[in-house]
Amino acid sequence: MKSRESEDPCYDLIDDFDLIVSSFQTQYGIRLSREMPGMKWDEFKDLLHGLNEKTPLGRVVAIRSETDREILKTFGKREHKIRREWRAKQVKTVTAKQQEQALKAIQNAFKEMAGGGD
């Protein structure tokens, strides 16, 4: 995992750091500017993963990850913009290796449908 990637595909540790900071303050009352220098990485990750949907990051992650068409219909312009921008960013971050793997998977699926093997 690269340093800026999170285990959750719906947030970025660097780009979303302002949301992380405000979420820690909201949910835990922790000021990261004061606490982070002494905080161990595992503790930070545990607290980050424990953030709920009522925090700024939680709300944005919920918007970015929503797939239910009925819920998407209720989104306003702001929510659609947040989701659209995130999805556009994710498309740009697909590596050549990931593209190659996806293409091979599609090719193998077509081979199987045609009754052929390798």
PDB file of N, CA and C in Angstrom:
ATOM      1  N   MET A   1       0.853  -1.177   0.000  1.00  0.00           N
ATOM      2  CA  MET A   1       0.000   0.000   0.000  1.00  0.00           C
ATOM      3  C   MET A   1       0.894   1.234   0.000  1.00  0.00           C
ATOM      4  N   LYS A   2       0.641   2.159  -0.891  1.00  0.00           N
ATOM      5  CA  LYS A   2       1.382   3.408  -0.925  1.00  0.00           C
ATOM      6  C   LYS A   2       1.023   4.228   0.301  1.00  0.00           C
ATOM      7  N   SER A   3       1.891   5.155   0.677  1.00  0.00           N
ATOM      8  CA  SER A   3       1.688   5.895   1.915  1.00  0.00           C
ATOM      9  C   SER A   3       0.413   6.726   1.927  1.00  0.00           C
ATOM     10  N   ARG A   4      -0.030   7.203   0.797  1.00  0.00           N
ATOM     11  CA  ARG A   4      -1.215   8.048   0.794  1.00  0.00           C
ATOM     12  C   ARG A   4      -2.504   7.260   0.622  1.00  0.00           C
ATOM     13  N   GLU A   5      -2.406   5.996   0.281  1.00  0.00           N
ATOM     14  CA  GLU A   5      -3.610   5.198   0.093  1.00  0.00           C
ATOM     15  C   GLU A   5      -4.124   4.702   1.435  1.00  0.00           C
ATOM     16  N   SER A   6      -5.430   4.631   1.534  1.00  0.00           N
ATOM     17  CA  SER A   6      -6.037   4.075   2.735  1.00  0.00           C
ATOM     18  C   SER A   6      -6.504   2.668   2.415  1.00  0.00           C
ATOM     19  N   GLU A   7      -6.863   1.918   3.440  1.00  0.00           N
ATOM     20  CA  GLU A   7      -7.423   0.593   3.226  1.00  0.00           C
ATOM     21  C   GLU A   7      -8.853   0.701   2.718  1.00  0.00           C
ATOM     22  N   ASP A   8      -9.483   1.820   2.964  1.00  0.00           N
ATOM     23  CA  ASP A   8     -10.840   2.079   2.496  1.00  0.00           C
ATOM     24  C   ASP A   8     -10.725   2.807   1.163  1.00  0.00           C
ATOM     25  N   PRO A   9     -11.332   2.267   0.118  1.00  0.00           N
ATOM     26  CA  PRO A   9     -11.185   2.913  -1.185  1.00  0.00           C
ATOM     27  C   PRO A   9     -11.960   4.221  -1.330  1.00  0.00           C
ATOM     28  N   CYS A  10     -12.626   4.683  -0.291  1.00  0.00           N
ATOM     29  CA  CYS A  10     -13.456   5.884  -0.409  1.00  0.00           C
ATOM     30  C   CYS A  10     -12.890   7.106   0.294  1.00  0.00           C
ATOM     31  N   TYR A  11     -11.641   7.051   0.690  1.00  0.00           N
ATOM     32  CA  TYR A  11     -10.981   8.260   1.189  1.00  0.00           C
ATOM     33  C   TYR A  11      -9.486   8.168   0.938  1.00  0.00           C
ATOM     34  N   ASP A  12      -8.862   9.317   0.923  1.00  0.00           N
ATOM     35  CA  ASP A  12      -7.431   9.435   0.682  1.00  0.00           C
ATOM     36  C   ASP A  12      -6.811  10.128   1.893  1.00  0.00           C
ATOM     37  N   LEU A  13      -5.793   9.529   2.466  1.00  0.00           N
ATOM     38  CA  LEU A  13      -5.193  10.071   3.690  1.00  0.00           C
ATOM     39  C   LEU A  13      -4.646  11.481   3.517  1.00  0.00           C
ATOM     40  N   ILE A  14      -4.172  11.821   2.341  1.00  0.00           N
ATOM     41  CA  ILE A  14      -3.614  13.155   2.100  1.00  0.00           C
ATOM     42  C   ILE A  14      -4.719  14.135   1.705  1.00  0.00           C
ATOM     43  N   ASP A  15      -5.440  13.817   0.643  1.00  0.00           N
ATOM     44  CA  ASP A  15      -6.459  14.741   0.134  1.00  0.00           C
ATOM     45  C   ASP A  15      -7.587  14.988   1.134  1.00  0.00           C
ATOM     46  N   ASP A  16      -7.887  14.013   1.948  1.00  0.00           N
ATOM     47  CA  ASP A  16      -8.997  14.134   2.898  1.00  0.00           C
ATOM     48  C   ASP A  16      -8.534  14.432   4.320  1.00  0.00           C
ATOM     49  N   PHE A  17      -7.282  14.866   4.474  1.00  0.00           N
ATOM     50  CA  PHE A  17      -6.768  15.059   5.831  1.00  0.00           C
ATOM     51  C   PHE A  17      -7.563  16.102   6.609  1.00  0.00           C
ATOM     52  N   ASP A  18      -8.041  17.150   5.935  1.00  0.00           N
ATOM     53  CA  ASP A  18      -8.857  18.147   6.647  1.00  0.00           C
ATOM     54  C   ASP A  18     -10.135  17.515   7.199  1.00  0.00           C
ATOM     55  N   LEU A  19     -10.730  16.592   6.451  1.00  0.00           N
ATOM     56  CA  LEU A  19     -11.921  15.882   6.933  1.00  0.00           C
ATOM     57  C   LEU A  19     -11.569  14.955   8.097  1.00  0.00           C
ATOM     58  N   ILE A  20     -10.401  14.337   8.025  1.00  0.00           N
ATOM     59  CA  ILE A  20      -9.948  13.457   9.102  1.00  0.00           C
ATOM     60  C   ILE A  20      -9.751  14.262  10.382  1.00  0.00           C
ATOM     61  N   VAL A  21      -9.078  15.405  10.260  1.00  0.00           N
ATOM     62  CA  VAL A  21      -8.825  16.261  11.423  1.00  0.00           C
ATOM     63  C   VAL A  21     -10.137  16.685  12.075  1.00  0.00           C
ATOM     64  N   SER A  22     -11.076  17.175  11.269  1.00  0.00           N
ATOM     65  CA  SER A  22     -12.343  17.634  11.845  1.00  0.00           C
ATOM     66  C   SER A  22     -13.166  16.470  12.391  1.00  0.00           C
ATOM     67  N   SER A  23     -13.034  15.294  11.796  1.00  0.00           N
ATOM     68  CA  SER A  23     -13.763  14.120  12.284  1.00  0.00           C
ATOM     69  C   SER A  23     -13.230  13.639  13.627  1.00  0.00           C
ATOM     70  N   PHE A  24     -11.913  13.658  13.793  1.00  0.00           N
ATOM     71  CA  PHE A  24     -11.332  13.287  15.087  1.00  0.00           C
ATOM     72  C   PHE A  24     -11.794  14.258  16.170  1.00  0.00           C
ATOM     73  N   GLN A  25     -11.838  15.538  15.827  1.00  0.00           N
ATOM     74  CA  GLN A  25     -12.292  16.547  16.785  1.00  0.00           C
ATOM     75  C   GLN A  25     -13.769  16.318  17.124  1.00  0.00           C
ATOM     76  N   THR A  26     -14.579  16.065  16.102  1.00  0.00           N
ATOM     77  CA  THR A  26     -16.015  15.869  16.291  1.00  0.00           C
ATOM     78  C   THR A  26     -16.322  14.642  17.141  1.00  0.00           C
ATOM     79  N   GLN A  27     -15.752  13.501  16.777  1.00  0.00           N
ATOM     80  CA  GLN A  27     -16.118  12.256  17.444  1.00  0.00           C
ATOM     81  C   GLN A  27     -15.353  12.006  18.739  1.00  0.00           C
ATOM     82  N   TYR A  28     -14.074  12.309  18.742  1.00  0.00           N
ATOM     83  CA  TYR A  28     -13.246  11.956  19.899  1.00  0.00           C
ATOM     84  C   TYR A  28     -12.812  13.149  20.749  1.00  0.00           C
ATOM     85  N   GLY A  29     -12.994  14.355  20.233  1.00  0.00           N
ATOM     86  CA  GLY A  29     -12.494  15.527  20.940  1.00  0.00           C
ATOM     87  C   GLY A  29     -10.977  15.624  20.896  1.00  0.00           C
ATOM     88  N   ILE A  30     -10.379  14.956  19.913  1.00  0.00           N
ATOM     89  CA  ILE A  30      -8.917  14.934  19.774  1.00  0.00           C
ATOM     90  C   ILE A  30      -8.486  15.978  18.758  1.00  0.00           C
ATOM     91  N   ARG A  31      -7.543  16.812  19.149  1.00  0.00           N
ATOM     92  CA  ARG A  31      -6.935  17.776  18.229  1.00  0.00           C
ATOM     93  C   ARG A  31      -5.675  17.121  17.689  1.00  0.00           C
ATOM     94  N   LEU A  32      -5.734  16.696  16.446  1.00  0.00           N
ATOM     95  CA  LEU A  32      -4.607  15.976  15.871  1.00  0.00           C
ATOM     96  C   LEU A  32      -3.331  16.802  15.848  1.00  0.00           C
ATOM     97  N   SER A  33      -3.448  18.113  15.725  1.00  0.00           N
ATOM     98  CA  SER A  33      -2.243  18.947  15.712  1.00  0.00           C
ATOM     99  C   SER A  33      -1.463  18.803  17.019  1.00  0.00           C
ATOM    100  N   ARG A  34      -2.155  18.503  18.099  1.00  0.00           N
ATOM    101  CA  ARG A  34      -1.499  18.324  19.399  1.00  0.00           C
ATOM    102  C   ARG A  34      -1.158  16.861  19.674  1.00  0.00           C
ATOM    103  N   GLU A  35      -2.054  15.964  19.297  1.00  0.00           N
ATOM    104  CA  GLU A  35      -1.926  14.550  19.667  1.00  0.00           C
ATOM    105  C   GLU A  35      -1.115  13.718  18.686  1.00  0.00           C
ATOM    106  N   MET A  36      -1.093  14.109  17.417  1.00  0.00           N
ATOM    107  CA  MET A  36      -0.485  13.274  16.388  1.00  0.00           C
ATOM    108  C   MET A  36       1.005  13.007  16.613  1.00  0.00           C
ATOM    109  N   PRO A  37       1.795  13.994  17.040  1.00  0.00           N
ATOM    110  CA  PRO A  37       3.229  13.710  17.209  1.00  0.00           C
ATOM    111  C   PRO A  37       3.522  12.538  18.152  1.00  0.00           C
ATOM    112  N   GLY A  38       2.702  12.324  19.160  1.00  0.00           N
ATOM    113  CA  GLY A  38       2.933  11.226  20.094  1.00  0.00           C
ATOM    114  C   GLY A  38       2.093   9.991  19.826  1.00  0.00           C
ATOM    115  N   MET A  39       1.248  10.048  18.797  1.00  0.00           N
ATOM    116  CA  MET A  39       0.326   8.950  18.521  1.00  0.00           C
ATOM    117  C   MET A  39       1.000   7.898  17.637  1.00  0.00           C
ATOM    118  N   LYS A  40       0.852   6.657  18.004  1.00  0.00           N
ATOM    119  CA  LYS A  40       1.384   5.552  17.201  1.00  0.00           C
ATOM    120  C   LYS A  40       0.479   5.353  15.984  1.00  0.00           C
ATOM    121  N   TRP A  41       1.061   4.860  14.891  1.00  0.00           N
ATOM    122  CA  TRP A  41       0.333   4.650  13.644  1.00  0.00           C
ATOM    123  C   TRP A  41      -0.859   3.717  13.853  1.00  0.00           C
ATOM    124  N   ASP A  42      -0.664   2.624  14.577  1.00  0.00           N
ATOM    125  CA  ASP A  42      -1.760   1.677  14.799  1.00  0.00           C
ATOM    126  C   ASP A  42      -2.925   2.322  15.548  1.00  0.00           C
ATOM    127  N   GLU A  43      -2.613   3.176  16.511  1.00  0.00           N
ATOM    128  CA  GLU A  43      -3.663   3.880  17.247  1.00  0.00           C
ATOM    129  C   GLU A  43      -4.419   4.826  16.317  1.00  0.00           C
ATOM    130  N   PHE A  44      -3.677   5.556  15.482  1.00  0.00           N
ATOM    131  CA  PHE A  44      -4.307   6.459  14.517  1.00  0.00           C
ATOM    132  C   PHE A  44      -5.238   5.682  13.592  1.00  0.00           C
ATOM    133  N   LYS A  45      -4.751   4.557  13.052  1.00  0.00           N
ATOM    134  CA  LYS A  45      -5.571   3.745  12.145  1.00  0.00           C
ATOM    135  C   LYS A  45      -6.827   3.233  12.834  1.00  0.00           C
ATOM    136  N   ASP A  46      -6.680   2.765  14.082  1.00  0.00           N
ATOM    137  CA  ASP A  46      -7.847   2.264  14.818  1.00  0.00           C
ATOM    138  C   ASP A  46      -8.888   3.357  15.019  1.00  0.00           C
ATOM    139  N   LEU A  47      -8.435   4.537  15.401  1.00  0.00           N
ATOM    140  CA  LEU A  47      -9.362   5.659  15.589  1.00  0.00           C
ATOM    141  C   LEU A  47     -10.001   6.064  14.263  1.00  0.00           C
ATOM    142  N   LEU A  48      -9.212   6.081  13.208  1.00  0.00           N
ATOM    143  CA  LEU A  48      -9.726   6.438  11.884  1.00  0.00           C
ATOM    144  C   LEU A  48     -10.805   5.460  11.438  1.00  0.00           C
ATOM    145  N   HIS A  49     -10.550   4.167  11.616  1.00  0.00           N
ATOM    146  CA  HIS A  49     -11.528   3.152  11.214  1.00  0.00           C
ATOM    147  C   HIS A  49     -12.776   3.175  12.081  1.00  0.00           C
ATOM    148  N   GLY A  50     -12.668   3.759  13.280  1.00  0.00           N
ATOM    149  CA  GLY A  50     -13.815   3.836  14.178  1.00  0.00           C
ATOM    150  C   GLY A  50     -14.716   5.040  13.955  1.00  0.00           C
ATOM    151  N   LEU A  51     -14.344   5.912  13.014  1.00  0.00           N
ATOM    152  CA  LEU A  51     -15.173   7.095  12.759  1.00  0.00           C
ATOM    153  C   LEU A  51     -16.536   6.680  12.224  1.00  0.00           C
ATOM    154  N   ASN A  52     -17.582   7.329  12.707  1.00  0.00           N
ATOM    155  CA  ASN A  52     -18.930   6.984  12.260  1.00  0.00           C
ATOM    156  C   ASN A  52     -19.420   7.936  11.164  1.00  0.00           C
ATOM    157  N   GLU A  53     -20.607   7.649  10.648  1.00  0.00           N
ATOM    158  CA  GLU A  53     -21.170   8.435   9.539  1.00  0.00           C
ATOM    159  C   GLU A  53     -21.587   9.840   9.939  1.00  0.00           C
ATOM    160  N   LYS A  54     -21.578  10.140  11.216  1.00  0.00           N
ATOM    161  CA  LYS A  54     -21.984  11.474  11.656  1.00  0.00           C
ATOM    162  C   LYS A  54     -20.825  12.464  11.626  1.00  0.00           C
ATOM    163  N   THR A  55     -19.630  11.986  11.306  1.00  0.00           N
ATOM    164  CA  THR A  55     -18.458  12.865  11.228  1.00  0.00           C
ATOM    165  C   THR A  55     -18.339  13.416   9.807  1.00  0.00           C
ATOM    166  N   PRO A  56     -17.577  14.489   9.619  1.00  0.00           N
ATOM    167  CA  PRO A  56     -17.396  15.018   8.258  1.00  0.00           C
ATOM    168  C   PRO A  56     -16.860  13.966   7.279  1.00  0.00           C
ATOM    169  N   LEU A  57     -15.844  13.203   7.686  1.00  0.00           N
ATOM    170  CA  LEU A  57     -15.316  12.166   6.792  1.00  0.00           C
ATOM    171  C   LEU A  57     -16.355  11.076   6.568  1.00  0.00           C
ATOM    172  N   GLY A  58     -17.053  10.684   7.607  1.00  0.00           N
ATOM    173  CA  GLY A  58     -18.072   9.646   7.483  1.00  0.00           C
ATOM    174  C   GLY A  58     -19.168  10.017   6.503  1.00  0.00           C
ATOM    175  N   ARG A  59     -19.601  11.272   6.545  1.00  0.00           N
ATOM    176  CA  ARG A  59     -20.642  11.720   5.607  1.00  0.00           C
ATOM    177  C   ARG A  59     -20.136  11.684   4.165  1.00  0.00           C
ATOM    178  N   VAL A  60     -18.910  12.146   3.958  1.00  0.00           N
ATOM    179  CA  VAL A  60     -18.351  12.173   2.601  1.00  0.00           C
ATOM    180  C   VAL A  60     -18.127  10.751   2.086  1.00  0.00           C
ATOM    181  N   VAL A  61     -17.624   9.867   2.931  1.00  0.00           N
ATOM    182  CA  VAL A  61     -17.419   8.475   2.529  1.00  0.00           C
ATOM    183  C   VAL A  61     -18.758   7.827   2.177  1.00  0.00           C
ATOM    184  N   ALA A  62     -19.799   8.112   2.943  1.00  0.00           N
ATOM    185  CA  ALA A  62     -21.125   7.559   2.650  1.00  0.00           C
ATOM    186  C   ALA A  62     -21.615   8.023   1.282  1.00  0.00           C
ATOM    187  N   ILE A  63     -21.370   9.274   0.955  1.00  0.00           N
ATOM    188  CA  ILE A  63     -21.773   9.811  -0.351  1.00  0.00           C
ATOM    189  C   ILE A  63     -20.966   9.146  -1.460  1.00  0.00           C
ATOM    190  N   ARG A  64     -19.656   9.082  -1.287  1.00  0.00           N
ATOM    191  CA  ARG A  64     -18.780   8.518  -2.319  1.00  0.00           C
ATOM    192  C   ARG A  64     -19.065   7.044  -2.585  1.00  0.00           C
ATOM    193  N   SER A  65     -19.448   6.312  -1.561  1.00  0.00           N
ATOM    194  CA  SER A  65     -19.601   4.867  -1.701  1.00  0.00           C
ATOM    195  C   SER A  65     -21.032   4.416  -1.987  1.00  0.00           C
ATOM    196  N   GLU A  66     -21.971   5.330  -2.030  1.00  0.00           N
ATOM    197  CA  GLU A  66     -23.377   4.953  -2.235  1.00  0.00           C
ATOM    198  C   GLU A  66     -23.579   4.353  -3.626  1.00  0.00           C
ATOM    199  N   THR A  67     -24.289   3.226  -3.685  1.00  0.00           N
ATOM    200  CA  THR A  67     -24.589   2.584  -4.965  1.00  0.00           C
ATOM    201  C   THR A  67     -26.084   2.363  -5.181  1.00  0.00           C
ATOM    202  N   ASP A  68     -26.893   2.547  -4.149  1.00  0.00           N
ATOM    203  CA  ASP A  68     -28.336   2.336  -4.250  1.00  0.00           C
ATOM    204  C   ASP A  68     -28.956   3.435  -5.116  1.00  0.00           C
ATOM    205  N   ARG A  69     -29.544   3.031  -6.229  1.00  0.00           N
ATOM    206  CA  ARG A  69     -30.114   4.006  -7.180  1.00  0.00           C
ATOM    207  C   ARG A  69     -31.201   4.877  -6.555  1.00  0.00           C
ATOM    208  N   GLU A  70     -31.991   4.299  -5.679  1.00  0.00           N
ATOM    209  CA  GLU A  70     -33.061   5.071  -5.037  1.00  0.00           C
ATOM    210  C   GLU A  70     -32.481   6.151  -4.128  1.00  0.00           C
ATOM    211  N   ILE A  71     -31.443   5.817  -3.413  1.00  0.00           N
ATOM    212  CA  ILE A  71     -30.797   6.811  -2.548  1.00  0.00           C
ATOM    213  C   ILE A  71     -30.095   7.864  -3.399  1.00  0.00           C
ATOM    214  N   LEU A  72     -29.453   7.427  -4.480  1.00  0.00           N
ATOM    215  CA  LEU A  72     -28.768   8.378  -5.366  1.00  0.00           C
ATOM    216  C   LEU A  72     -29.744   9.401  -5.942  1.00  0.00           C
ATOM    217  N   LYS A  73     -30.989   8.990  -6.167  1.00  0.00           N
ATOM    218  CA  LYS A  73     -31.999   9.918  -6.687  1.00  0.00           C
ATOM    219  C   LYS A  73     -32.307  11.040  -5.702  1.00  0.00           C
ATOM    220  N   THR A  74     -32.074  10.788  -4.420  1.00  0.00           N
ATOM    221  CA  THR A  74     -32.368  11.801  -3.400  1.00  0.00           C
ATOM    222  C   THR A  74     -31.201  12.770  -3.181  1.00  0.00           C
ATOM    223  N   PHE A  75     -30.070  12.493  -3.784  1.00  0.00           N
ATOM    224  CA  PHE A  75     -28.900  13.358  -3.614  1.00  0.00           C
ATOM    225  C   PHE A  75     -29.138  14.720  -4.245  1.00  0.00           C
ATOM    226  N   GLY A  76     -28.648  15.742  -3.593  1.00  0.00           N
ATOM    227  CA  GLY A  76     -28.678  17.092  -4.137  1.00  0.00           C
ATOM    228  C   GLY A  76     -27.446  17.340  -4.998  1.00  0.00           C
ATOM    229  N   LYS A  77     -27.323  18.551  -5.502  1.00  0.00           N
ATOM    230  CA  LYS A  77     -26.187  18.899  -6.364  1.00  0.00           C
ATOM    231  C   LYS A  77     -24.855  18.693  -5.657  1.00  0.00           C
ATOM    232  N   ARG A  78     -24.791  19.093  -4.382  1.00  0.00           N
ATOM    233  CA  ARG A  78     -23.540  18.975  -3.627  1.00  0.00           C
ATOM    234  C   ARG A  78     -23.107  17.514  -3.505  1.00  0.00           C
ATOM    235  N   GLU A  79     -24.046  16.631  -3.162  1.00  0.00           N
ATOM    236  CA  GLU A  79     -23.721  15.214  -3.013  1.00  0.00           C
ATOM    237  C   GLU A  79     -23.287  14.602  -4.337  1.00  0.00           C
ATOM    238  N   HIS A  80     -24.003  14.946  -5.415  1.00  0.00           N
ATOM    239  CA  HIS A  80     -23.623  14.421  -6.730  1.00  0.00           C
ATOM    240  C   HIS A  80     -22.231  14.908  -7.124  1.00  0.00           C
ATOM    241  N   LYS A  81     -21.927  16.157  -6.804  1.00  0.00           N
ATOM    242  CA  LYS A  81     -20.603  16.704  -7.133  1.00  0.00           C
ATOM    243  C   LYS A  81     -19.513  15.954  -6.364  1.00  0.00           C
ATOM    244  N   ILE A  82     -19.727  15.736  -5.077  1.00  0.00           N
ATOM    245  CA  ILE A  82     -18.754  15.002  -4.262  1.00  0.00           C
ATOM    246  C   ILE A  82     -18.521  13.617  -4.846  1.00  0.00           C
ATOM    247  N   ARG A  83     -19.580  12.922  -5.177  1.00  0.00           N
ATOM    248  CA  ARG A  83     -19.482  11.552  -5.708  1.00  0.00           C
ATOM    249  C   ARG A  83     -18.833  11.535  -7.089  1.00  0.00           C
ATOM    250  N   ARG A  84     -19.239  12.450  -7.944  1.00  0.00           N
ATOM    251  CA  ARG A  84     -18.701  12.524  -9.308  1.00  0.00           C
ATOM    252  C   ARG A  84     -17.196  12.815  -9.293  1.00  0.00           C
ATOM    253  N   GLU A  85     -16.778  13.783  -8.466  1.00  0.00           N
ATOM    254  CA  GLU A  85     -15.356  14.130  -8.390  1.00  0.00           C
ATOM    255  C   GLU A  85     -14.528  12.958  -7.869  1.00  0.00           C
ATOM    256  N   TRP A  86     -15.054  12.235  -6.884  1.00  0.00           N
ATOM    257  CA  TRP A  86     -14.325  11.092  -6.340  1.00  0.00           C
ATOM    258  C   TRP A  86     -14.194   9.988  -7.383  1.00  0.00           C
ATOM    259  N   ARG A  87     -15.279   9.700  -8.074  1.00  0.00           N
ATOM    260  CA  ARG A  87     -15.249   8.641  -9.084  1.00  0.00           C
ATOM    261  C   ARG A  87     -14.299   9.001 -10.223  1.00  0.00           C
ATOM    262  N   ALA A  88     -14.275  10.266 -10.615  1.00  0.00           N
ATOM    263  CA  ALA A  88     -13.356  10.707 -11.671  1.00  0.00           C
ATOM    264  C   ALA A  88     -11.907  10.537 -11.216  1.00  0.00           C
ATOM    265  N   LYS A  89     -11.638  10.850  -9.970  1.00  0.00           N
ATOM    266  CA  LYS A  89     -10.282  10.695  -9.429  1.00  0.00           C
ATOM    267  C   LYS A  89      -9.889   9.221  -9.409  1.00  0.00           C
ATOM    268  N   GLN A  90     -10.817   8.351  -9.039  1.00  0.00           N
ATOM    269  CA  GLN A  90     -10.513   6.925  -8.964  1.00  0.00           C
ATOM    270  C   GLN A  90     -10.197   6.344 -10.337  1.00  0.00           C
ATOM    271  N   VAL A  91     -10.875   6.804 -11.354  1.00  0.00           N
ATOM    272  CA  VAL A  91     -10.610   6.330 -12.710  1.00  0.00           C
ATOM    273  C   VAL A  91      -9.179   6.678 -13.114  1.00  0.00           C
ATOM    274  N   LYS A  92      -8.720   7.853 -12.712  1.00  0.00           N
ATOM    275  CA  LYS A  92      -7.371   8.296 -13.064  1.00  0.00           C
ATOM    276  C   LYS A  92      -6.290   7.510 -12.337  1.00  0.00           C
ATOM    277  N   THR A  93      -6.611   6.909 -11.208  1.00  0.00           N
ATOM    278  CA  THR A  93      -5.590   6.230 -10.413  1.00  0.00           C
ATOM    279  C   THR A  93      -5.442   4.753 -10.749  1.00  0.00           C
ATOM    280  N   VAL A  94      -6.185   4.268 -11.723  1.00  0.00           N
ATOM    281  CA  VAL A  94      -6.049   2.879 -12.130  1.00  0.00           C
ATOM    282  C   VAL A  94      -4.702   2.720 -12.829  1.00  0.00           C
ATOM    283  N   THR A  95      -3.914   1.780 -12.360  1.00  0.00           N
ATOM    284  CA  THR A  95      -2.580   1.581 -12.924  1.00  0.00           C
ATOM    285  C   THR A  95      -2.642   0.750 -14.197  1.00  0.00           C
ATOM    286  N   ALA A  96      -1.565   0.770 -14.932  1.00  0.00           N
ATOM    287  CA  ALA A  96      -1.475  -0.027 -16.157  1.00  0.00           C
ATOM    288  C   ALA A  96      -1.604  -1.511 -15.819  1.00  0.00           C
ATOM    289  N   LYS A  97      -1.013  -1.926 -14.700  1.00  0.00           N
ATOM    290  CA  LYS A  97      -1.102  -3.329 -14.288  1.00  0.00           C
ATOM    291  C   LYS A  97      -2.552  -3.707 -13.989  1.00  0.00           C
ATOM    292  N   GLN A  98      -3.288  -2.831 -13.317  1.00  0.00           N
ATOM    293  CA  GLN A  98      -4.695  -3.100 -13.023  1.00  0.00           C
ATOM    294  C   GLN A  98      -5.503  -3.190 -14.314  1.00  0.00           C
ATOM    295  N   GLN A  99      -5.205  -2.317 -15.269  1.00  0.00           N
ATOM    296  CA  GLN A  99      -5.895  -2.359 -16.558  1.00  0.00           C
ATOM    297  C   GLN A  99      -5.613  -3.681 -17.264  1.00  0.00           C
ATOM    298  N   GLU A 100      -4.354  -4.100 -17.236  1.00  0.00           N
ATOM    299  CA  GLU A 100      -3.970  -5.356 -17.876  1.00  0.00           C
ATOM    300  C   GLU A 100      -4.664  -6.542 -17.209  1.00  0.00           C
ATOM    301  N   GLN A 101      -4.730  -6.542 -15.873  1.00  0.00           N
ATOM    302  CA  GLN A 101      -5.401  -7.620 -15.145  1.00  0.00           C
ATOM    303  C   GLN A 101      -6.889  -7.668 -15.482  1.00  0.00           C
ATOM    304  N   ALA A 102      -7.510  -6.513 -15.562  1.00  0.00           N
ATOM    305  CA  ALA A 102      -8.937  -6.458 -15.895  1.00  0.00           C
ATOM    306  C   ALA A 102      -9.175  -6.969 -17.309  1.00  0.00           C
ATOM    307  N   LEU A 103      -8.316  -6.570 -18.234  1.00  0.00           N
ATOM    308  CA  LEU A 103      -8.445  -7.016 -19.622  1.00  0.00           C
ATOM    309  C   LEU A 103      -8.282  -8.528 -19.724  1.00  0.00           C
ATOM    310  N   LYS A 104      -7.311  -9.092 -19.004  1.00  0.00           N
ATOM    311  CA  LYS A 104      -7.113 -10.544 -19.012  1.00  0.00           C
ATOM    312  C   LYS A 104      -8.325 -11.261 -18.427  1.00  0.00           C
ATOM    313  N   ALA A 105      -8.900 -10.710 -17.378  1.00  0.00           N
ATOM    314  CA  ALA A 105     -10.082 -11.320 -16.770  1.00  0.00           C
ATOM    315  C   ALA A 105     -11.249 -11.333 -17.754  1.00  0.00           C
ATOM    316  N   ILE A 106     -11.408 -10.247 -18.490  1.00  0.00           N
ATOM    317  CA  ILE A 106     -12.475 -10.175 -19.500  1.00  0.00           C
ATOM    318  C   ILE A 106     -12.211 -11.179 -20.611  1.00  0.00           C
ATOM    319  N   GLN A 107     -10.958 -11.253 -21.067  1.00  0.00           N
ATOM    320  CA  GLN A 107     -10.599 -12.207 -22.120  1.00  0.00           C
ATOM    321  C   GLN A 107     -10.879 -13.638 -21.670  1.00  0.00           C
ATOM    322  N   ASN A 108     -10.497 -13.963 -20.441  1.00  0.00           N
ATOM    323  CA  ASN A 108     -10.739 -15.313 -19.917  1.00  0.00           C
ATOM    324  C   ASN A 108     -12.226 -15.610 -19.809  1.00  0.00           C
ATOM    325  N   ALA A 109     -13.005 -14.619 -19.423  1.00  0.00           N
ATOM    326  CA  ALA A 109     -14.454 -14.811 -19.332  1.00  0.00           C
ATOM    327  C   ALA A 109     -15.040 -15.109 -20.708  1.00  0.00           C
ATOM    328  N   PHE A 110     -14.586 -14.380 -21.735  1.00  0.00           N
ATOM    329  CA  PHE A 110     -15.070 -14.637 -23.095  1.00  0.00           C
ATOM    330  C   PHE A 110     -14.638 -16.021 -23.581  1.00  0.00           C
ATOM    331  N   LYS A 111     -13.424 -16.431 -23.247  1.00  0.00           N
ATOM    332  CA  LYS A 111     -12.952 -17.764 -23.638  1.00  0.00           C
ATOM    333  C   LYS A 111     -13.834 -18.838 -23.021  1.00  0.00           C
ATOM    334  N   GLU A 112     -14.148 -18.672 -21.732  1.00  0.00           N
ATOM    335  CA  GLU A 112     -14.995 -19.654 -21.051  1.00  0.00           C
ATOM    336  C   GLU A 112     -16.394 -19.690 -21.651  1.00  0.00           C
ATOM    337  N   MET A 113     -16.934 -18.511 -21.993  1.00  0.00           N
ATOM    338  CA  MET A 113     -18.273 -18.465 -22.593  1.00  0.00           C
ATOM    339  C   MET A 113     -18.278 -19.151 -23.949  1.00  0.00           C
ATOM    340  N   ALA A 114     -17.153 -19.072 -24.652  1.00  0.00           N
ATOM    341  CA  ALA A 114     -17.056 -19.680 -25.977  1.00  0.00           C
ATOM    342  C   ALA A 114     -16.715 -21.164 -25.884  1.00  0.00           C
ATOM    343  N   GLY A 115     -16.512 -21.648 -24.668  1.00  0.00           N
ATOM    344  CA  GLY A 115     -16.229 -23.067 -24.485  1.00  0.00           C
ATOM    345  C   GLY A 115     -14.762 -23.410 -24.622  1.00  0.00           C
ATOM    346  N   GLY A 116     -13.923 -22.408 -24.697  1.00  0.00           N
ATOM    347  CA  GLY A 116     -12.485 -22.657 -24.841  1.00  0.00           C
ATOM    348  C   GLY A 116     -11.751 -22.481 -23.543  1.00  0.00           C
ATOM    349  N   GLY A 117     -10.547 -22.909 -23.532  1.00  0.00           N
ATOM    350  CA  GLY A 117      -9.680 -22.749 -22.363  1.00  0.00           C
ATOM    351  C   GLY A 117      -8.523 -21.861 -22.741  1.00  0.00           C
ATOM    352  N   ASP A 118      -7.408 -22.066 -22.062  1.00  0.00           N
ATOM    353  CA  ASP A 118      -6.210 -21.269 -22.352  1.00  0.00           C
ATOM    354  C   ASP A 118      -5.582 -21.642 -23.639  1.00  0.00           C
TER     355      ASP A 118
END
